Protein backbone atom coordinates (compact mmCIF):
# COMPACT_ATOMS: atom_id res chain seq x y z
CA UNK A 1 0.00 0.00 0.00
CA UNK A 2 1.41 3.38 -1.03
CA UNK A 3 0.45 5.31 2.09
CA UNK A 4 1.49 8.76 0.96
CA UNK A 5 -0.74 8.56 -2.13
CA UNK A 6 -3.83 8.16 0.02
CA UNK A 7 -5.96 11.21 0.93
CA UNK A 8 -4.80 13.12 4.01
CA UNK A 9 -7.87 12.08 6.01
CA UNK A 10 -7.12 8.40 5.36
CA UNK A 11 -3.47 8.89 6.30
CA UNK A 12 -4.54 10.59 9.51
CA UNK A 13 -6.84 7.70 10.43
CA UNK A 14 -4.03 5.22 9.78
CA UNK A 15 -1.63 7.20 11.97
CA UNK A 16 -4.19 7.34 14.78
CA UNK A 17 -4.02 3.55 15.13
CA UNK A 18 -0.24 3.54 15.51
CA UNK A 19 1.67 3.85 18.77
CA UNK A 20 4.31 6.48 19.26
CA UNK A 21 7.30 4.18 18.62
CA UNK A 22 5.63 2.89 15.44
CA UNK A 23 5.11 6.43 14.18
CA UNK A 24 8.68 7.28 15.05
CA UNK A 25 9.99 4.30 13.12
CA UNK A 26 7.75 5.11 10.18
CA UNK A 27 8.97 8.73 10.17
CA UNK A 28 12.47 7.47 9.36
CA UNK A 29 11.34 6.03 6.03
CA UNK A 30 11.52 9.34 4.18
CA UNK A 31 11.28 13.10 4.62
CA UNK A 32 7.81 13.07 3.05
CA UNK A 33 6.61 10.49 5.56
CA UNK A 34 8.04 12.48 8.46
CA UNK A 35 6.44 15.71 7.30
CA UNK A 36 3.09 13.95 6.80
CA UNK A 37 3.16 12.52 10.35
CA UNK A 38 4.19 15.87 11.80
CA UNK A 39 1.41 17.69 10.02
CA UNK A 40 -1.39 15.20 10.66
CA UNK A 41 -0.50 14.35 14.27
CA UNK A 42 -0.09 17.85 15.71
CA UNK A 43 -3.13 17.29 17.90
CA UNK A 44 -1.39 14.37 19.64
CA UNK A 45 1.82 16.32 20.11
CA UNK A 46 0.31 19.44 21.68
CA UNK A 47 -0.45 17.69 24.99
CA UNK A 48 3.06 16.28 25.45
CA UNK A 49 4.44 17.38 28.81
CA UNK A 50 8.00 16.15 28.63
CA UNK A 51 10.64 14.21 26.75
CA UNK A 52 13.17 12.59 29.06
CA UNK A 53 16.56 11.14 28.16
CA UNK A 54 17.94 8.81 30.83
CA UNK A 55 21.27 7.04 30.92
CA UNK A 56 22.31 4.09 33.10
CA UNK A 57 25.62 2.55 34.09
CA UNK A 58 25.51 0.11 31.16
CA UNK A 59 25.38 2.90 28.54
CA UNK A 60 21.73 2.12 27.81
CA UNK A 61 19.82 5.15 26.54
CA UNK A 62 16.10 5.39 27.38
CA UNK A 63 13.79 7.96 25.82
CA UNK A 64 10.38 8.63 27.39
CA UNK A 65 7.65 10.81 25.89
CA UNK A 66 4.71 11.46 28.18
CA UNK A 67 1.47 13.35 28.39
CA UNK A 68 -1.84 12.55 30.02
CA UNK A 69 -2.93 10.55 26.98
CA UNK A 70 0.33 9.60 25.25
CA UNK A 71 2.88 7.15 26.59
CA UNK A 72 5.90 6.70 24.36
CA UNK A 73 9.08 4.85 25.11
CA UNK A 74 12.03 3.42 23.25
CA UNK A 75 15.57 2.53 24.18
CA UNK A 76 18.98 2.06 22.63
CA UNK A 77 21.39 -0.61 23.79
CA UNK A 78 25.11 -0.35 23.15
CA UNK A 79 27.09 -2.77 21.09
CA UNK A 80 30.50 -2.79 19.41
CA UNK A 81 31.53 -3.63 15.89
CA UNK A 82 33.21 -6.73 17.31
CA UNK A 83 29.96 -7.90 18.94
CA UNK A 84 27.56 -7.21 16.11
CA UNK A 85 27.70 -5.74 12.64
CA UNK A 86 25.23 -2.86 12.68
CA UNK A 87 23.48 -2.53 9.35
CA UNK A 88 23.34 1.20 8.52
CA UNK A 89 19.85 2.62 8.89
CA UNK A 90 19.04 6.31 8.63
CA UNK A 91 17.09 6.41 11.87
CA UNK A 92 16.42 9.75 13.57
CA UNK A 93 17.76 11.64 10.59
CA UNK A 94 21.29 10.31 11.05
CA UNK A 95 23.18 8.92 8.06
CA UNK A 96 25.11 5.67 7.70
CA UNK A 97 28.17 7.23 9.35
CA UNK A 98 26.25 6.92 12.66
CA UNK A 99 24.76 3.43 12.22
CA UNK A 100 21.67 2.48 14.19
CA UNK A 101 19.46 -0.55 13.66
CA UNK A 102 16.40 -2.12 15.19
CA UNK A 103 16.97 -4.99 17.58
CA UNK A 104 16.46 -8.25 15.63
CA UNK A 105 14.03 -9.58 18.26
CA UNK A 106 12.48 -6.66 20.17
CA UNK A 107 10.59 -3.81 18.52
CA UNK A 108 11.20 -0.45 20.18
CA UNK A 109 14.81 -1.29 21.03
CA UNK A 110 17.62 -0.03 18.85
CA UNK A 111 21.29 -0.96 18.75
CA UNK A 112 24.03 1.63 18.46
CA UNK A 113 27.82 1.78 18.45
CA UNK A 114 28.97 2.40 22.02
CA UNK A 115 31.85 4.59 20.79
CA UNK A 116 29.34 7.00 19.20
CA UNK A 117 27.12 7.43 22.24
CA UNK A 118 27.24 11.23 22.44
CA UNK A 119 26.68 11.61 18.70
CA UNK A 120 23.68 9.28 18.89
CA UNK A 121 22.11 11.13 21.82
CA UNK A 122 22.65 14.49 20.10
CA UNK A 123 21.11 13.19 16.87
CA UNK A 124 18.03 11.76 18.62
CA UNK A 125 17.45 14.96 20.59
CA UNK A 126 17.77 17.16 17.49
CA UNK A 127 15.37 14.90 15.62
CA UNK A 128 12.70 14.83 18.35
CA UNK A 129 13.00 18.56 19.01
CA UNK A 130 12.20 19.22 15.34
CA UNK A 131 9.65 16.38 15.16
CA UNK A 132 7.55 17.62 18.10
CA UNK A 133 8.45 21.30 18.00
CA UNK A 134 9.50 23.32 21.03
CA UNK A 135 6.16 24.76 22.29
CA UNK A 136 5.74 24.01 26.00
CA UNK A 137 7.47 20.61 26.09
CA UNK A 138 10.05 20.11 28.83
CA UNK A 139 13.16 18.31 27.62
CA UNK A 140 14.86 16.61 30.57
CA UNK A 141 18.16 14.76 31.07
CA UNK A 142 18.47 12.20 33.85
CA UNK A 143 21.78 10.44 34.39
CA UNK A 144 22.24 7.62 36.88
CA UNK A 145 25.37 6.21 35.31
CA UNK A 146 29.07 6.55 36.19
CA UNK A 147 29.59 8.94 33.32
CA UNK A 148 28.41 12.52 32.91
CA UNK A 149 25.63 13.08 30.34
CA UNK A 150 26.23 14.93 27.08
CA UNK A 151 25.46 18.62 26.77
CA UNK A 152 22.29 19.17 24.73
CA UNK A 153 20.54 22.32 23.54
CA UNK A 154 17.08 23.37 24.73
CA UNK A 155 17.17 21.26 27.92
CA UNK A 156 15.01 22.68 30.72
CA UNK A 157 15.66 20.13 33.47
CA UNK A 158 18.73 18.07 34.41
CA UNK A 159 19.29 15.47 37.14
CA UNK A 160 22.82 14.10 37.49
CA UNK A 161 24.19 11.39 39.73
CA UNK A 162 27.67 12.91 39.80
CA UNK A 163 30.48 10.32 39.40
CA UNK A 164 33.32 10.23 41.89
CA UNK A 165 36.31 12.52 41.22
CA UNK A 166 34.33 14.72 38.80
CA UNK A 167 35.97 18.14 38.46
CA UNK A 168 34.04 21.41 38.53
CA UNK A 169 34.96 22.01 34.88
CA UNK A 170 33.71 18.59 33.79
CA UNK A 171 30.39 19.13 35.55
CA UNK A 172 30.02 22.62 34.10
CA UNK A 173 30.50 21.27 30.58
CA UNK A 174 27.21 19.34 30.92
CA UNK A 175 25.35 22.69 30.87
CA UNK A 176 27.32 24.48 28.15
CA UNK A 177 24.60 24.06 25.50
CA UNK A 178 21.69 24.83 27.89
CA UNK A 179 22.96 27.19 30.60
CA UNK A 180 19.54 28.58 31.60
CA UNK A 181 17.53 25.76 33.12
CA UNK A 182 14.34 25.56 35.16
CA UNK A 183 15.52 22.74 37.42
CA UNK A 184 18.86 21.12 38.24
CA UNK A 185 19.50 18.30 40.71
CA UNK A 186 22.98 17.11 41.72
CA UNK A 187 23.36 13.87 43.64
CA UNK A 188 25.78 10.98 43.94
CA UNK A 189 29.43 11.79 44.71
CA UNK A 190 29.08 15.55 44.24
CA UNK A 191 31.69 17.26 46.44
CA UNK A 192 30.20 20.77 46.39
CA UNK A 193 32.81 22.29 44.07
CA UNK A 194 31.53 24.42 41.19
CA UNK A 195 33.10 26.84 38.72
CA UNK A 196 32.88 30.57 39.52
CA UNK A 197 29.62 32.01 38.13
CA UNK A 198 28.50 28.49 37.29
CA UNK A 199 25.39 28.06 35.14
CA UNK A 200 24.20 25.61 37.81
CA UNK A 201 23.92 28.47 40.31
CA UNK A 202 21.56 30.28 37.93
CA UNK A 203 18.94 27.52 37.77
CA UNK A 204 15.50 28.67 38.88
CA UNK A 205 15.18 25.65 41.19
CA UNK A 206 18.28 23.86 42.47
CA UNK A 207 18.46 20.68 44.55
CA UNK A 208 21.79 19.45 45.90
CA UNK A 209 22.29 16.19 47.79
CA UNK A 210 25.84 15.70 48.97
CA UNK A 211 27.70 14.01 51.80
CA UNK A 212 31.13 14.81 50.37
CA UNK A 213 31.48 18.44 51.39
CA UNK A 214 29.83 21.64 52.59
CA UNK A 215 27.31 23.67 50.61
CA UNK A 216 28.61 27.11 51.63
CA UNK A 217 29.90 28.31 48.26
CA UNK A 218 26.79 27.04 46.49
CA UNK A 219 24.45 28.99 48.74
CA UNK A 220 26.48 32.20 48.64
CA UNK A 221 26.70 32.06 44.84
CA UNK A 222 23.12 30.98 44.14
CA UNK A 223 21.26 33.31 41.74
CA UNK A 224 17.97 31.43 41.32
CA UNK A 225 14.59 31.36 43.06
CA UNK A 226 14.48 28.18 45.12
CA UNK A 227 17.31 26.20 46.71
CA UNK A 228 16.92 22.84 48.45
CA UNK A 229 20.08 21.30 49.90
CA UNK A 230 20.85 18.13 51.85
CA UNK A 231 24.36 18.81 53.11
CA UNK A 232 26.06 20.67 56.00
CA UNK A 233 26.76 24.41 56.23
CA UNK A 234 28.95 26.43 58.54
CA UNK A 235 27.01 28.72 60.90
CA UNK A 236 28.92 31.72 59.57
CA UNK A 237 27.59 31.02 56.08
CA UNK A 238 23.97 31.02 57.26
CA UNK A 239 24.61 34.29 59.12
CA UNK A 240 26.23 35.84 56.03
CA UNK A 241 23.33 34.77 53.83
CA UNK A 242 20.69 36.21 56.16
CA UNK A 243 22.64 39.47 56.63
CA UNK A 244 23.10 39.97 52.89
CA UNK A 245 19.41 39.35 52.23
CA UNK A 246 18.24 41.58 55.09
CA UNK A 247 20.55 44.45 54.12
CA UNK A 248 19.31 44.19 50.50
CA UNK A 249 22.83 43.43 49.22
CA UNK A 250 22.12 40.08 47.64
CA UNK A 251 19.77 37.18 46.87
CA UNK A 252 17.21 39.43 45.19
CA UNK A 253 15.77 36.52 43.18
CA UNK A 254 15.54 34.07 46.08
CA UNK A 255 12.05 33.04 47.18
CA UNK A 256 12.77 30.00 49.36
CA UNK A 257 15.61 28.04 50.95
CA UNK A 258 15.57 24.65 52.67
CA UNK A 259 18.61 23.07 54.30
CA UNK A 260 18.57 19.54 55.66
CA UNK A 261 21.76 18.53 57.47
CA UNK A 262 20.21 15.60 59.29
CA UNK A 263 23.23 13.30 59.03
CA UNK A 264 25.99 15.81 59.65
CA UNK A 265 25.14 19.09 61.37
CA UNK A 266 22.94 20.68 64.02
CA UNK A 267 21.98 24.38 64.10
CA UNK A 268 20.99 26.57 67.05
CA UNK A 269 18.76 29.58 66.38
CA UNK A 270 20.09 31.49 69.41
CA UNK A 271 23.56 31.38 67.88
CA UNK A 272 22.68 32.09 64.25
CA UNK A 273 20.05 34.78 64.89
CA UNK A 274 21.50 36.41 67.99
CA UNK A 275 22.64 39.66 66.31
CA UNK A 276 19.75 40.03 63.88
CA UNK A 277 16.66 42.13 64.23
CA UNK A 278 14.27 39.18 64.20
CA UNK A 279 10.58 40.05 64.44
CA UNK A 280 7.80 37.87 65.77
CA UNK A 281 4.08 37.69 65.04
CA UNK A 282 2.01 39.88 67.34
CA UNK A 283 -0.03 37.17 69.02
CA UNK A 284 1.95 34.43 70.80
CA UNK A 285 -0.57 31.78 69.80
CA UNK A 286 -0.13 32.52 66.08
CA UNK A 287 2.29 30.87 63.67
CA UNK A 288 2.60 31.46 59.93
CA UNK A 289 2.43 28.45 57.65
CA UNK A 290 4.21 29.22 54.39
CA UNK A 291 4.22 26.82 51.42
CA UNK A 292 5.41 26.69 47.81
CA UNK A 293 5.93 24.31 44.90
CA UNK A 294 9.48 22.99 44.50
CA UNK A 295 10.48 21.48 41.18
CA UNK A 296 11.60 17.87 40.88
CA UNK A 297 12.24 15.28 38.21
CA UNK A 298 9.01 14.22 36.50
CA UNK A 299 7.12 11.50 38.39
CA UNK A 300 3.69 9.87 38.16
CA UNK A 301 1.38 9.74 41.19
CA UNK A 302 -0.23 6.38 41.91
CA UNK A 303 -3.70 7.89 41.49
CA UNK A 304 -3.05 9.76 38.24
CA UNK A 305 -1.54 9.39 34.78
CA UNK A 306 -0.72 13.09 34.66
CA UNK A 307 3.05 13.67 35.05
CA UNK A 308 4.00 15.84 38.04
CA UNK A 309 7.07 18.07 38.01
CA UNK A 310 6.87 19.69 41.45
CA UNK A 311 6.03 18.90 45.06
CA UNK A 312 4.63 20.97 47.88
CA UNK A 313 7.10 22.15 50.49
CA UNK A 314 6.87 24.49 53.47
CA UNK A 315 7.30 25.18 57.16
CA UNK A 316 5.72 27.08 60.07
CA UNK A 317 7.34 29.83 62.11
CA UNK A 318 6.63 32.86 64.29
CA UNK A 319 9.95 34.51 63.37
CA UNK A 320 10.50 36.74 60.38
CA UNK A 321 12.91 39.33 58.97
CA UNK A 322 12.21 42.61 57.18
CA UNK A 323 14.50 43.58 54.31
CA UNK A 324 16.00 47.04 54.30
CA UNK A 325 14.90 49.39 51.56
CA UNK A 326 11.72 47.72 50.31
CA UNK A 327 10.25 46.20 53.49
CA UNK A 328 9.99 42.70 52.02
CA UNK A 329 9.19 40.12 54.72
CA UNK A 330 10.53 36.57 54.98
CA UNK A 331 9.86 33.84 57.52
CA UNK A 332 12.84 32.02 58.98
CA UNK A 333 13.10 28.83 61.00
CA UNK A 334 16.27 27.29 62.48
CA UNK A 335 15.71 24.11 64.42
CA UNK A 336 17.98 21.12 65.01
CA UNK A 337 19.26 19.97 61.60
CA UNK A 338 17.04 22.21 59.49
CA UNK A 339 17.18 25.78 58.21
CA UNK A 340 14.17 27.19 56.35
CA UNK A 341 13.65 30.60 54.77
CA UNK A 342 10.86 31.89 52.54
CA UNK A 343 9.46 35.20 51.36
CA UNK A 344 5.87 36.04 52.19
CA UNK A 345 5.42 37.54 48.77
CA UNK A 346 5.29 34.93 46.02
CA UNK A 347 4.49 32.04 48.36
CA UNK A 348 1.29 30.82 49.99
CA UNK A 349 0.86 32.11 53.55
CA UNK A 350 -1.72 30.97 56.08
CA UNK A 351 -1.99 32.06 59.73
CA UNK A 352 -2.43 29.14 62.13
CA UNK A 353 -3.28 29.00 65.82
CA UNK A 354 -0.94 26.66 67.71
CA UNK A 355 -3.70 25.97 70.25
CA UNK A 356 -6.10 24.53 67.68
């Protein structure tokens, strides 16, 4: 059957019966086929929430495409020329110089040359970005392997399990093509060392999980809106941060901060706040509950098929600071292993009675 000679309506009906990975494979047949699928399937693409590239320790590449109604997934497994002769196939717009082929037994799994991993990932991303269009789709990189992920353009969200002995320069290179990201998470063997003026410090939402070092330099250099950190800080750093914010000398973009040093550090509010002009709510029975949405890697709640990219966070406190110059107010809580800070403006605030 010569599909492209059929009327557009018939083509559209045929495409509607095909799954995502079948359409993707079909789009590699020719430019005309790809353009026809793009044009006739725009309705399916418009609800896509995210495209995620994940990499594991075995160099397997997994690509997930998700919306409320579309579930797409395919993977690429590495091989070598010694293990298997890869028959050239112009998949994802790449020519025979970057050979990719379908797995001989399993549809939806491709084989690629391990030595060309970064070229393959770059080619797939470029192809899907053009195939779906940019619109409101979040393109996300998630690396759980012992190797840093490649740097890709137009990435909004990155989660990296940082390998041991990674230098600040090597980590920074992962963000060279997409320096302005909505969410970055660093985990694994991250030691807290970053390049000066790092793109990581400019992420809107930043999560750092580290037991290899202190987070002092990260906090003092952070330029984004929300910072969540599971690692220890020196008391002097917390004091410097609060003083700079209160005196209106820094952290003008910051809306919330959460520090969890449960395994390594304990903080005492009488020490950290002793020289600050800390205010308290008028009525002793009142406390202010302040909450916000903190970004995270895309997940799927048990009760829903809709992908979720944030979670609710917050704390309660009677203490607050007033910023010099503009009178901006921010709640602050320092208790045991936790330090919390959040602006009243831009977050959800609710007065609670501790006696209720």
